[in-house]
C-alpha cells in the first residue's frame, strides 16, 4: 500500500512542477541548467523584439539653417532671400543691408520677445564686423548675450545652440559674392 501511495504522489507531483527527464541528471533539474536547452524569445532580453525609429527633428526644437549664399538662406527647407531674423517662433525678413544698419531700432524685435531669448547671434556677412556699442549696451541691459560673427560661423553657432535647446535668435546678413576664387582674364 505504501508503494501505491508513493507512486500516486510522484505522479501528482510530476504534473505540479517536477520534471522527469530521460536525460541523465537529477529529477528536479531546471531546463536552464542544461546545454541542450534553447532560449525562447521570452527567456532572455537579448531575444526581445526591438523597434527602430528614424531619428527625426523633435517638434518644437527650432529652425535649423541648412545653407547660405549671397542671395539668402535655406532654413528648414524655406528659401529666405536677403537678411533675415530667426526668432524662436518665426523667420522674418530683417530690414538691414550691412552691419552699419544694425541699430537699436533694428534689434528691438529681439528684446521684445516672450519668452526672453538668452543669446542673439549676429552674422555680419563675410567678415566679423564691429557693431555700434550702444546697440550692444542696450541688449546687455535687456539681459541678452550677443555673439557677433561672420555669417558662416553665425549659422553654425545658431544651429549648435538650437540643438542644445537654448532660447536663441539670430540676425543674419548674407555674405557678398566672393571674388577670391575668380579668374582674371589677361
N, C-alpha and C. Protein backbone atom coordinates (compact mmCIF):
# COMPACT_ATOMS: atom_id res chain seq x y z
N UNK A 1 0.81 -1.18 0.00
CA UNK A 1 0.00 0.00 0.00
C UNK A 1 0.86 1.25 0.00
N UNK A 2 1.95 1.21 0.73
CA UNK A 2 2.85 2.37 0.75
C UNK A 2 3.42 2.63 -0.62
N UNK A 3 3.68 1.59 -1.39
CA UNK A 3 4.21 1.75 -2.74
C UNK A 3 3.20 2.43 -3.63
N UNK A 4 1.93 2.08 -3.50
CA UNK A 4 0.88 2.69 -4.33
C UNK A 4 0.74 4.17 -3.99
N UNK A 5 0.84 4.52 -2.71
CA UNK A 5 0.72 5.93 -2.29
C UNK A 5 1.90 6.72 -2.82
N UNK A 6 3.11 6.15 -2.74
CA UNK A 6 4.30 6.85 -3.25
C UNK A 6 4.20 7.05 -4.75
N UNK A 7 3.73 6.02 -5.48
CA UNK A 7 3.60 6.14 -6.94
C UNK A 7 2.58 7.23 -7.30
N UNK A 8 1.44 7.23 -6.59
CA UNK A 8 0.42 8.23 -6.83
C UNK A 8 0.96 9.64 -6.52
N UNK A 9 1.71 9.77 -5.42
CA UNK A 9 2.29 11.06 -5.04
C UNK A 9 3.28 11.54 -6.09
N UNK A 10 4.10 10.64 -6.59
CA UNK A 10 5.05 11.01 -7.63
C UNK A 10 4.36 11.42 -8.92
N UNK A 11 3.31 10.73 -9.28
CA UNK A 11 2.57 11.09 -10.49
C UNK A 11 1.89 12.46 -10.33
N UNK A 12 1.34 12.73 -9.14
CA UNK A 12 0.72 14.03 -8.89
C UNK A 12 1.77 15.13 -8.93
N UNK A 13 2.91 14.91 -8.33
CA UNK A 13 3.97 15.91 -8.29
C UNK A 13 4.54 16.19 -9.67
N UNK A 14 4.57 15.19 -10.55
CA UNK A 14 5.13 15.41 -11.87
C UNK A 14 4.28 16.38 -12.68
N UNK A 15 3.01 16.47 -12.39
CA UNK A 15 2.17 17.43 -13.11
C UNK A 15 2.17 18.78 -12.42
N UNK A 16 2.76 18.88 -11.21
CA UNK A 16 2.77 20.14 -10.47
C UNK A 16 4.15 20.76 -10.39
N UNK A 17 5.02 20.55 -11.33
CA UNK A 17 6.28 21.25 -11.33
C UNK A 17 7.51 20.37 -11.27
N UNK A 18 7.41 19.10 -10.95
CA UNK A 18 8.57 18.23 -11.00
C UNK A 18 8.82 17.87 -12.45
N UNK A 19 10.06 17.73 -12.80
CA UNK A 19 10.41 17.41 -14.18
C UNK A 19 11.08 16.05 -14.22
N UNK A 20 10.47 15.15 -14.96
CA UNK A 20 11.08 13.84 -15.15
C UNK A 20 11.62 13.82 -16.56
N UNK A 21 12.89 13.64 -16.69
CA UNK A 21 13.55 13.73 -17.98
C UNK A 21 14.26 12.43 -18.29
N UNK A 22 14.41 12.14 -19.59
CA UNK A 22 15.16 10.97 -19.99
C UNK A 22 16.65 11.24 -19.94
N UNK A 23 17.03 12.54 -19.83
CA UNK A 23 18.45 12.89 -19.74
C UNK A 23 18.98 12.51 -18.37
N UNK A 24 20.25 12.26 -18.34
CA UNK A 24 20.88 11.94 -17.06
C UNK A 24 20.93 13.20 -16.23
N UNK A 25 20.65 13.08 -14.98
CA UNK A 25 20.69 14.22 -14.09
C UNK A 25 19.60 14.11 -13.06
N UNK A 26 19.58 15.01 -12.12
CA UNK A 26 18.58 14.93 -11.07
C UNK A 26 17.18 15.17 -11.62
N UNK A 27 16.20 14.60 -10.98
CA UNK A 27 14.82 14.70 -11.43
C UNK A 27 14.28 16.12 -11.28
N UNK A 28 14.85 16.92 -10.42
CA UNK A 28 14.35 18.28 -10.19
C UNK A 28 15.17 19.34 -10.93
N UNK A 29 15.95 18.94 -11.92
CA UNK A 29 16.82 19.90 -12.59
C UNK A 29 16.02 20.88 -13.44
N UNK A 30 16.57 22.04 -13.60
CA UNK A 30 15.94 23.09 -14.40
C UNK A 30 16.38 22.95 -15.84
N UNK A 31 15.51 23.28 -16.80
CA UNK A 31 15.93 23.22 -18.20
C UNK A 31 17.00 24.26 -18.51
N UNK A 32 17.14 25.30 -17.67
CA UNK A 32 18.12 26.34 -17.92
C UNK A 32 19.54 25.90 -17.56
N UNK A 33 19.65 24.77 -16.80
CA UNK A 33 20.95 24.28 -16.42
C UNK A 33 21.52 23.30 -17.44
N UNK A 34 20.77 23.00 -18.47
CA UNK A 34 21.20 22.05 -19.48
C UNK A 34 21.69 22.79 -20.71
N UNK A 35 22.75 22.27 -21.32
CA UNK A 35 23.27 22.89 -22.53
C UNK A 35 22.36 22.67 -23.73
N UNK A 36 21.54 21.68 -23.69
CA UNK A 36 20.70 21.35 -24.83
C UNK A 36 19.46 22.25 -24.90
N UNK A 37 19.24 23.05 -23.90
CA UNK A 37 18.04 23.89 -23.88
C UNK A 37 18.21 25.09 -24.80
N UNK A 38 17.20 25.38 -25.58
CA UNK A 38 17.22 26.53 -26.46
C UNK A 38 16.41 27.64 -25.82
N UNK A 39 16.92 28.86 -25.91
CA UNK A 39 16.21 30.01 -25.36
C UNK A 39 15.08 30.41 -26.30
N UNK A 40 13.96 30.67 -25.72
CA UNK A 40 12.83 31.21 -26.47
C UNK A 40 12.93 32.73 -26.43
N UNK A 41 12.22 33.43 -27.32
CA UNK A 41 12.29 34.89 -27.31
C UNK A 41 11.90 35.50 -25.96
N UNK A 42 11.06 34.86 -25.19
CA UNK A 42 10.65 35.41 -23.90
C UNK A 42 11.61 35.11 -22.77
N UNK A 43 12.62 34.24 -23.01
CA UNK A 43 13.53 33.83 -21.95
C UNK A 43 14.67 34.81 -21.68
N UNK A 44 15.03 35.61 -22.64
CA UNK A 44 16.20 36.44 -22.49
C UNK A 44 15.95 37.81 -23.11
N UNK A 45 16.49 38.85 -22.49
CA UNK A 45 16.32 40.19 -23.03
C UNK A 45 16.97 40.34 -24.40
N UNK A 46 18.02 39.57 -24.63
CA UNK A 46 18.72 39.69 -25.91
C UNK A 46 17.81 39.32 -27.08
N UNK A 47 16.84 38.46 -26.84
CA UNK A 47 15.96 38.00 -27.90
C UNK A 47 14.67 38.79 -27.98
N UNK A 48 14.50 39.80 -27.15
CA UNK A 48 13.29 40.61 -27.19
C UNK A 48 13.27 41.41 -28.48
N UNK A 49 12.11 41.67 -28.96
CA UNK A 49 11.98 42.45 -30.19
C UNK A 49 12.37 43.89 -29.92
N UNK A 50 13.02 44.50 -30.89
CA UNK A 50 13.44 45.88 -30.79
C UNK A 50 12.81 46.66 -31.94
N UNK A 51 12.31 47.82 -31.63
CA UNK A 51 11.78 48.65 -32.71
C UNK A 51 12.76 49.79 -32.94
N UNK A 52 12.93 50.15 -34.19
CA UNK A 52 13.85 51.22 -34.57
C UNK A 52 13.03 52.30 -35.24
N UNK A 53 13.25 53.51 -34.82
CA UNK A 53 12.59 54.62 -35.49
C UNK A 53 13.66 55.52 -36.07
N UNK A 54 13.35 56.10 -37.20
CA UNK A 54 14.29 57.00 -37.85
C UNK A 54 14.33 58.28 -37.03
N UNK A 55 15.55 58.75 -36.77
CA UNK A 55 15.66 59.97 -35.99
C UNK A 55 15.11 61.13 -36.79
N UNK A 56 14.16 61.81 -36.22
CA UNK A 56 13.57 62.96 -36.86
C UNK A 56 13.73 64.16 -35.95
N UNK A 57 13.58 65.31 -36.55
CA UNK A 57 13.66 66.52 -35.77
C UNK A 57 12.54 66.52 -34.74
N UNK A 58 12.87 66.79 -33.51
CA UNK A 58 11.87 66.81 -32.47
C UNK A 58 10.97 68.02 -32.64
N UNK A 59 9.67 67.86 -32.38
CA UNK A 59 8.80 69.00 -32.53
C UNK A 59 9.18 70.10 -31.55
N UNK A 60 9.17 71.32 -32.03
CA UNK A 60 9.48 72.45 -31.18
C UNK A 60 10.96 72.65 -30.91
N UNK A 61 11.84 71.99 -31.69
CA UNK A 61 13.26 72.14 -31.42
C UNK A 61 13.87 73.34 -32.14
N UNK A 62 13.09 74.08 -32.91
CA UNK A 62 13.59 75.30 -33.54
C UNK A 62 14.03 75.09 -34.97
N UNK A 63 14.21 76.22 -35.65
CA UNK A 63 14.60 76.21 -37.06
C UNK A 63 16.09 75.92 -37.18
N UNK A 64 16.45 75.17 -38.21
CA UNK A 64 17.86 74.87 -38.49
C UNK A 64 18.24 75.51 -39.83
N UNK A 65 19.43 76.07 -39.89
CA UNK A 65 19.93 76.69 -41.11
C UNK A 65 20.68 75.62 -41.89
N UNK A 66 20.18 75.28 -43.08
CA UNK A 66 20.80 74.23 -43.88
C UNK A 66 21.89 74.78 -44.80
N UNK A 67 21.72 75.99 -45.31
CA UNK A 67 22.75 76.55 -46.19
C UNK A 67 22.55 78.06 -46.29
N UNK A 68 23.58 78.71 -46.82
CA UNK A 68 23.50 80.15 -47.06
C UNK A 68 24.22 80.44 -48.37
N UNK A 69 23.91 81.58 -48.94
CA UNK A 69 24.54 82.01 -50.18
C UNK A 69 24.48 83.54 -50.21
N UNK A 70 25.08 84.17 -51.21
CA UNK A 70 24.97 85.63 -51.30
C UNK A 70 23.52 86.11 -51.49
N UNK A 71 22.65 85.22 -51.93
CA UNK A 71 21.25 85.60 -52.14
C UNK A 71 20.41 85.46 -50.88
N UNK A 72 20.78 84.55 -49.98
CA UNK A 72 19.97 84.35 -48.78
C UNK A 72 20.28 83.04 -48.09
N UNK A 73 19.24 82.44 -47.49
CA UNK A 73 19.42 81.29 -46.61
C UNK A 73 18.39 80.21 -46.91
N UNK A 74 18.76 78.97 -46.61
CA UNK A 74 17.83 77.85 -46.65
C UNK A 74 17.61 77.44 -45.19
N UNK A 75 16.43 77.75 -44.67
CA UNK A 75 16.12 77.49 -43.27
C UNK A 75 14.96 76.52 -43.22
N UNK A 76 15.23 75.31 -42.77
CA UNK A 76 14.22 74.24 -42.71
C UNK A 76 13.52 74.03 -44.05
N UNK A 77 14.27 74.16 -45.14
CA UNK A 77 13.69 73.96 -46.46
C UNK A 77 13.02 75.20 -47.04
N UNK A 78 12.94 76.28 -46.26
CA UNK A 78 12.37 77.54 -46.75
C UNK A 78 13.49 78.43 -47.28
N UNK A 79 13.33 78.93 -48.48
CA UNK A 79 14.32 79.83 -49.04
C UNK A 79 13.97 81.25 -48.60
N UNK A 80 14.93 81.88 -47.93
CA UNK A 80 14.76 83.24 -47.44
C UNK A 80 15.75 84.11 -48.18
N UNK A 81 15.26 85.10 -48.91
CA UNK A 81 16.13 85.98 -49.68
C UNK A 81 16.52 87.19 -48.84
N UNK A 82 17.79 87.53 -48.86
CA UNK A 82 18.29 88.70 -48.15
C UNK A 82 18.47 88.46 -46.67
N UNK A 83 18.74 89.55 -45.93
CA UNK A 83 18.93 89.43 -44.48
C UNK A 83 17.67 88.92 -43.79
N UNK A 84 17.85 88.15 -42.74
CA UNK A 84 16.70 87.61 -42.04
C UNK A 84 16.92 87.59 -40.54
N UNK A 85 15.80 87.57 -39.83
CA UNK A 85 15.80 87.44 -38.38
C UNK A 85 15.15 86.11 -38.04
N UNK A 86 15.89 85.26 -37.35
CA UNK A 86 15.34 83.96 -36.92
C UNK A 86 14.96 84.10 -35.46
N UNK A 87 13.69 83.99 -35.21
CA UNK A 87 13.16 84.08 -33.85
C UNK A 87 12.64 82.71 -33.48
N UNK A 88 12.51 82.40 -32.19
CA UNK A 88 12.01 81.08 -31.83
C UNK A 88 10.70 80.70 -32.53
N UNK A 89 9.75 81.59 -32.70
CA UNK A 89 8.54 81.13 -33.39
C UNK A 89 8.48 81.42 -34.89
N UNK A 90 9.44 82.19 -35.45
CA UNK A 90 9.25 82.64 -36.83
C UNK A 90 10.56 82.95 -37.53
N UNK A 91 10.46 83.09 -38.86
CA UNK A 91 11.55 83.56 -39.70
C UNK A 91 11.04 84.84 -40.36
N UNK A 92 11.76 85.94 -40.17
CA UNK A 92 11.31 87.23 -40.71
C UNK A 92 12.38 87.84 -41.60
N UNK A 93 11.96 88.66 -42.56
CA UNK A 93 12.91 89.48 -43.31
C UNK A 93 13.39 90.55 -42.36
N UNK A 94 14.68 90.85 -42.40
CA UNK A 94 15.26 91.83 -41.50
C UNK A 94 15.71 93.01 -42.33
N UNK A 95 15.24 94.18 -42.01
CA UNK A 95 15.46 95.36 -42.84
C UNK A 95 16.82 96.01 -42.53
N UNK A 96 17.89 95.28 -42.82
CA UNK A 96 19.25 95.82 -42.72
C UNK A 96 19.98 95.43 -44.00
N UNK A 97 20.94 96.26 -44.39
CA UNK A 97 21.72 95.95 -45.58
C UNK A 97 23.12 95.52 -45.24
N UNK A 98 23.74 96.23 -44.29
CA UNK A 98 25.09 95.92 -43.84
C UNK A 98 25.13 95.98 -42.32
N UNK A 99 26.30 95.69 -41.77
CA UNK A 99 26.44 95.75 -40.31
C UNK A 99 26.22 97.17 -39.78
N UNK A 100 26.42 98.18 -40.62
CA UNK A 100 26.21 99.57 -40.19
C UNK A 100 24.74 99.89 -39.97
N UNK A 101 23.86 99.09 -40.58
CA UNK A 101 22.42 99.30 -40.43
C UNK A 101 21.84 98.64 -39.18
N UNK A 102 22.67 97.93 -38.42
CA UNK A 102 22.19 97.30 -37.18
C UNK A 102 22.17 98.37 -36.10
N UNK A 103 20.98 98.83 -35.78
CA UNK A 103 20.79 99.91 -34.82
C UNK A 103 19.94 99.42 -33.66
N UNK A 104 19.73 100.30 -32.69
CA UNK A 104 18.86 99.96 -31.56
C UNK A 104 17.45 99.64 -32.05
N UNK A 105 17.02 100.36 -33.06
CA UNK A 105 15.68 100.12 -33.61
C UNK A 105 15.60 98.77 -34.32
N UNK A 106 16.65 98.41 -35.07
CA UNK A 106 16.60 97.15 -35.82
C UNK A 106 16.70 95.91 -34.92
N UNK A 107 17.26 96.06 -33.73
CA UNK A 107 17.33 94.91 -32.81
C UNK A 107 16.18 94.92 -31.80
N UNK A 108 15.29 95.89 -31.88
CA UNK A 108 14.19 95.98 -30.91
C UNK A 108 13.29 94.75 -30.95
N UNK A 109 13.14 94.14 -32.10
CA UNK A 109 12.28 92.96 -32.16
C UNK A 109 12.86 91.80 -31.36
N UNK A 110 14.16 91.75 -31.18
CA UNK A 110 14.78 90.65 -30.43
C UNK A 110 14.55 90.76 -28.93
N UNK A 111 14.51 91.99 -28.39
CA UNK A 111 14.33 92.10 -26.94
C UNK A 111 12.87 92.25 -26.53
N UNK A 112 11.95 92.26 -27.49
CA UNK A 112 10.52 92.32 -27.17
C UNK A 112 9.88 90.94 -27.10
N UNK A 113 10.64 89.92 -27.39
CA UNK A 113 10.09 88.56 -27.44
C UNK A 113 9.78 88.02 -26.05
N UNK A 114 8.75 87.20 -25.99
CA UNK A 114 8.45 86.41 -24.79
C UNK A 114 8.32 84.97 -25.24
N UNK A 115 8.95 84.00 -24.66
CA UNK A 115 9.92 84.12 -23.58
C UNK A 115 11.19 84.78 -24.06
N UNK A 116 11.88 85.42 -23.15
CA UNK A 116 13.10 86.16 -23.47
C UNK A 116 14.15 85.23 -24.07
N UNK A 117 14.82 85.74 -25.09
CA UNK A 117 15.91 84.95 -25.66
C UNK A 117 17.15 85.10 -24.77
N UNK A 118 17.95 84.06 -24.73
CA UNK A 118 19.18 84.07 -23.94
C UNK A 118 20.33 84.68 -24.74
N UNK A 119 20.40 84.30 -26.02
CA UNK A 119 21.55 84.67 -26.86
C UNK A 119 21.05 85.16 -28.21
N UNK A 120 21.64 86.23 -28.68
CA UNK A 120 21.39 86.73 -30.02
C UNK A 120 22.68 86.54 -30.81
N UNK A 121 22.59 85.79 -31.91
CA UNK A 121 23.74 85.55 -32.78
C UNK A 121 23.59 86.46 -33.98
N UNK A 122 24.58 87.32 -34.19
CA UNK A 122 24.56 88.24 -35.34
C UNK A 122 25.60 87.81 -36.36
N UNK A 123 25.16 87.57 -37.59
CA UNK A 123 26.05 87.24 -38.70
C UNK A 123 26.20 88.48 -39.57
N UNK A 124 27.42 89.00 -39.68
CA UNK A 124 27.63 90.31 -40.32
C UNK A 124 28.18 90.21 -41.75
N UNK A 125 28.00 89.09 -42.41
CA UNK A 125 28.48 88.96 -43.78
C UNK A 125 29.72 88.10 -43.86
N UNK A 126 30.64 88.48 -44.75
CA UNK A 126 31.83 87.65 -44.96
C UNK A 126 32.89 87.83 -43.88
N UNK A 127 32.81 88.92 -43.13
CA UNK A 127 33.78 89.16 -42.05
C UNK A 127 33.06 89.53 -40.77
N UNK A 128 33.74 89.34 -39.65
CA UNK A 128 33.20 89.80 -38.37
C UNK A 128 33.41 91.30 -38.31
N UNK A 129 32.33 92.02 -38.14
CA UNK A 129 32.38 93.49 -38.12
C UNK A 129 32.02 94.00 -36.73
N UNK A 130 32.44 95.22 -36.43
CA UNK A 130 32.10 95.86 -35.15
C UNK A 130 30.68 96.41 -35.21
N UNK A 131 29.95 96.12 -34.15
CA UNK A 131 28.58 96.62 -34.02
C UNK A 131 28.63 97.86 -33.12
N UNK A 132 27.73 98.80 -33.38
CA UNK A 132 27.65 100.03 -32.58
C UNK A 132 27.57 99.68 -31.09
N UNK A 133 28.45 100.25 -30.25
CA UNK A 133 28.46 99.93 -28.82
C UNK A 133 27.13 100.24 -28.12
N UNK A 134 26.37 101.20 -28.58
CA UNK A 134 25.08 101.50 -27.95
C UNK A 134 24.09 100.35 -28.16
N UNK A 135 24.19 99.67 -29.29
CA UNK A 135 23.32 98.52 -29.56
C UNK A 135 23.68 97.38 -28.60
N UNK A 136 24.97 97.12 -28.46
CA UNK A 136 25.41 96.05 -27.56
C UNK A 136 25.04 96.38 -26.11
N UNK A 137 25.14 97.66 -25.72
CA UNK A 137 24.78 98.07 -24.35
C UNK A 137 23.29 97.88 -24.11
N UNK A 138 22.47 98.20 -25.10
CA UNK A 138 21.02 98.02 -24.98
C UNK A 138 20.67 96.55 -24.75
N UNK A 139 21.25 95.68 -25.55
CA UNK A 139 20.97 94.24 -25.41
C UNK A 139 21.48 93.70 -24.08
N UNK A 140 22.61 94.22 -23.61
CA UNK A 140 23.13 93.79 -22.31
C UNK A 140 22.18 94.21 -21.19
N UNK A 141 21.65 95.46 -21.27
CA UNK A 141 20.68 95.92 -20.26
C UNK A 141 19.42 95.06 -20.26
N UNK A 142 19.05 94.55 -21.42
CA UNK A 142 17.85 93.70 -21.53
C UNK A 142 18.14 92.25 -21.13
N UNK A 143 19.40 91.93 -20.80
CA UNK A 143 19.75 90.58 -20.36
C UNK A 143 19.97 89.59 -21.48
N UNK A 144 20.33 90.09 -22.65
CA UNK A 144 20.56 89.22 -23.82
C UNK A 144 22.05 89.21 -24.14
N UNK A 145 22.64 88.03 -24.17
CA UNK A 145 24.05 87.90 -24.58
C UNK A 145 24.11 88.00 -26.10
N UNK A 146 25.15 88.63 -26.60
CA UNK A 146 25.29 88.83 -28.05
C UNK A 146 26.57 88.17 -28.52
N UNK A 147 26.47 87.45 -29.63
CA UNK A 147 27.61 86.83 -30.28
C UNK A 147 27.68 87.37 -31.70
N UNK A 148 28.71 88.16 -32.01
CA UNK A 148 28.87 88.74 -33.34
C UNK A 148 29.94 87.95 -34.08
N UNK A 149 29.56 87.42 -35.24
CA UNK A 149 30.48 86.59 -36.03
C UNK A 149 30.23 86.83 -37.51
N UNK A 150 31.13 86.31 -38.34
CA UNK A 150 30.83 86.29 -39.77
C UNK A 150 29.66 85.33 -39.98
N UNK A 151 28.97 85.46 -41.09
CA UNK A 151 27.72 84.71 -41.30
C UNK A 151 27.92 83.20 -41.27
N UNK A 152 29.00 82.71 -41.84
CA UNK A 152 29.23 81.26 -41.85
C UNK A 152 29.30 80.71 -40.43
N UNK A 153 30.08 81.34 -39.58
CA UNK A 153 30.20 80.89 -38.19
C UNK A 153 28.94 81.17 -37.40
N UNK A 154 28.25 82.24 -37.71
CA UNK A 154 27.00 82.55 -37.01
C UNK A 154 25.95 81.47 -37.29
N UNK A 155 25.89 80.99 -38.53
CA UNK A 155 24.94 79.91 -38.86
C UNK A 155 25.26 78.65 -38.07
N UNK A 156 26.54 78.29 -37.99
CA UNK A 156 26.96 77.10 -37.26
C UNK A 156 26.68 77.26 -35.76
N UNK A 157 26.96 78.44 -35.22
CA UNK A 157 26.71 78.70 -33.80
C UNK A 157 25.23 78.63 -33.49
N UNK A 158 24.41 79.22 -34.36
CA UNK A 158 22.96 79.18 -34.17
C UNK A 158 22.45 77.74 -34.16
N UNK A 159 22.89 76.93 -35.13
CA UNK A 159 22.45 75.53 -35.19
C UNK A 159 22.89 74.76 -33.94
N UNK A 160 24.10 75.01 -33.48
CA UNK A 160 24.59 74.33 -32.28
C UNK A 160 23.74 74.70 -31.07
N UNK A 161 23.46 75.98 -30.90
CA UNK A 161 22.67 76.43 -29.75
C UNK A 161 21.24 75.90 -29.81
N UNK A 162 20.67 75.85 -31.00
CA UNK A 162 19.32 75.30 -31.17
C UNK A 162 19.32 73.81 -30.81
N UNK A 163 20.36 73.09 -31.22
CA UNK A 163 20.42 71.66 -30.92
C UNK A 163 20.55 71.41 -29.41
N UNK A 164 21.08 72.38 -28.68
CA UNK A 164 21.15 72.28 -27.22
C UNK A 164 19.88 72.76 -26.54
N UNK A 165 18.87 73.10 -27.34
CA UNK A 165 17.58 73.58 -26.85
C UNK A 165 17.70 74.89 -26.07
N UNK A 166 18.60 75.74 -26.50
CA UNK A 166 18.73 77.06 -25.89
C UNK A 166 17.72 77.99 -26.55
N UNK A 167 17.31 79.01 -25.83
CA UNK A 167 16.40 80.00 -26.40
C UNK A 167 17.28 81.03 -27.09
N UNK A 168 17.37 80.92 -28.41
CA UNK A 168 18.32 81.70 -29.19
C UNK A 168 17.62 82.32 -30.39
N UNK A 169 18.12 83.47 -30.82
CA UNK A 169 17.63 84.12 -32.03
C UNK A 169 18.86 84.52 -32.84
N UNK A 170 18.64 84.80 -34.12
CA UNK A 170 19.76 85.20 -34.98
C UNK A 170 19.33 86.31 -35.91
N UNK A 171 20.25 87.21 -36.16
CA UNK A 171 20.10 88.23 -37.20
C UNK A 171 21.21 87.99 -38.20
N UNK A 172 20.86 87.63 -39.41
CA UNK A 172 21.87 87.19 -40.38
C UNK A 172 21.84 88.04 -41.64
N UNK A 173 23.02 88.47 -42.06
CA UNK A 173 23.20 89.20 -43.31
C UNK A 173 23.96 88.27 -44.24
N UNK A 174 23.42 88.00 -45.44
CA UNK A 174 24.14 87.08 -46.35
C UNK A 174 25.50 87.67 -46.74
N UNK A 175 26.50 86.81 -46.90
CA UNK A 175 27.81 87.31 -47.32
C UNK A 175 27.75 87.75 -48.78
N UNK A 176 28.53 88.77 -49.15
CA UNK A 176 28.53 89.19 -50.56
C UNK A 176 29.19 88.12 -51.43
N UNK A 177 29.04 88.29 -52.73
CA UNK A 177 29.65 87.35 -53.66
C UNK A 177 31.16 87.43 -53.49
N UNK A 178 31.78 86.28 -53.31
CA UNK A 178 33.23 86.24 -53.10
C UNK A 178 33.95 86.35 -54.44
N UNK A 179 34.99 87.18 -54.45
CA UNK A 179 35.80 87.32 -55.66
C UNK A 179 37.16 86.67 -55.47
N UNK A 180 37.34 85.98 -54.36
CA UNK A 180 38.66 85.39 -54.07
C UNK A 180 39.03 84.30 -55.06
N UNK A 181 38.07 83.58 -55.58
CA UNK A 181 38.37 82.48 -56.49
C UNK A 181 38.07 82.81 -57.95
N UNK A 182 37.83 84.06 -58.27
CA UNK A 182 37.52 84.38 -59.67
C UNK A 182 38.82 84.44 -60.48
N UNK A 183 38.73 84.04 -61.71
CA UNK A 183 39.89 84.04 -62.60
C UNK A 183 39.97 85.37 -63.34
N UNK A 184 41.18 85.89 -63.46
CA UNK A 184 41.37 87.14 -64.19
C UNK A 184 41.77 86.80 -65.62
N UNK A 185 41.08 87.42 -66.56
CA UNK A 185 41.41 87.23 -67.98
C UNK A 185 42.45 88.25 -68.38
N UNK A 186 43.54 87.81 -68.98
CA UNK A 186 44.57 88.75 -69.42
C UNK A 186 44.70 88.76 -70.91
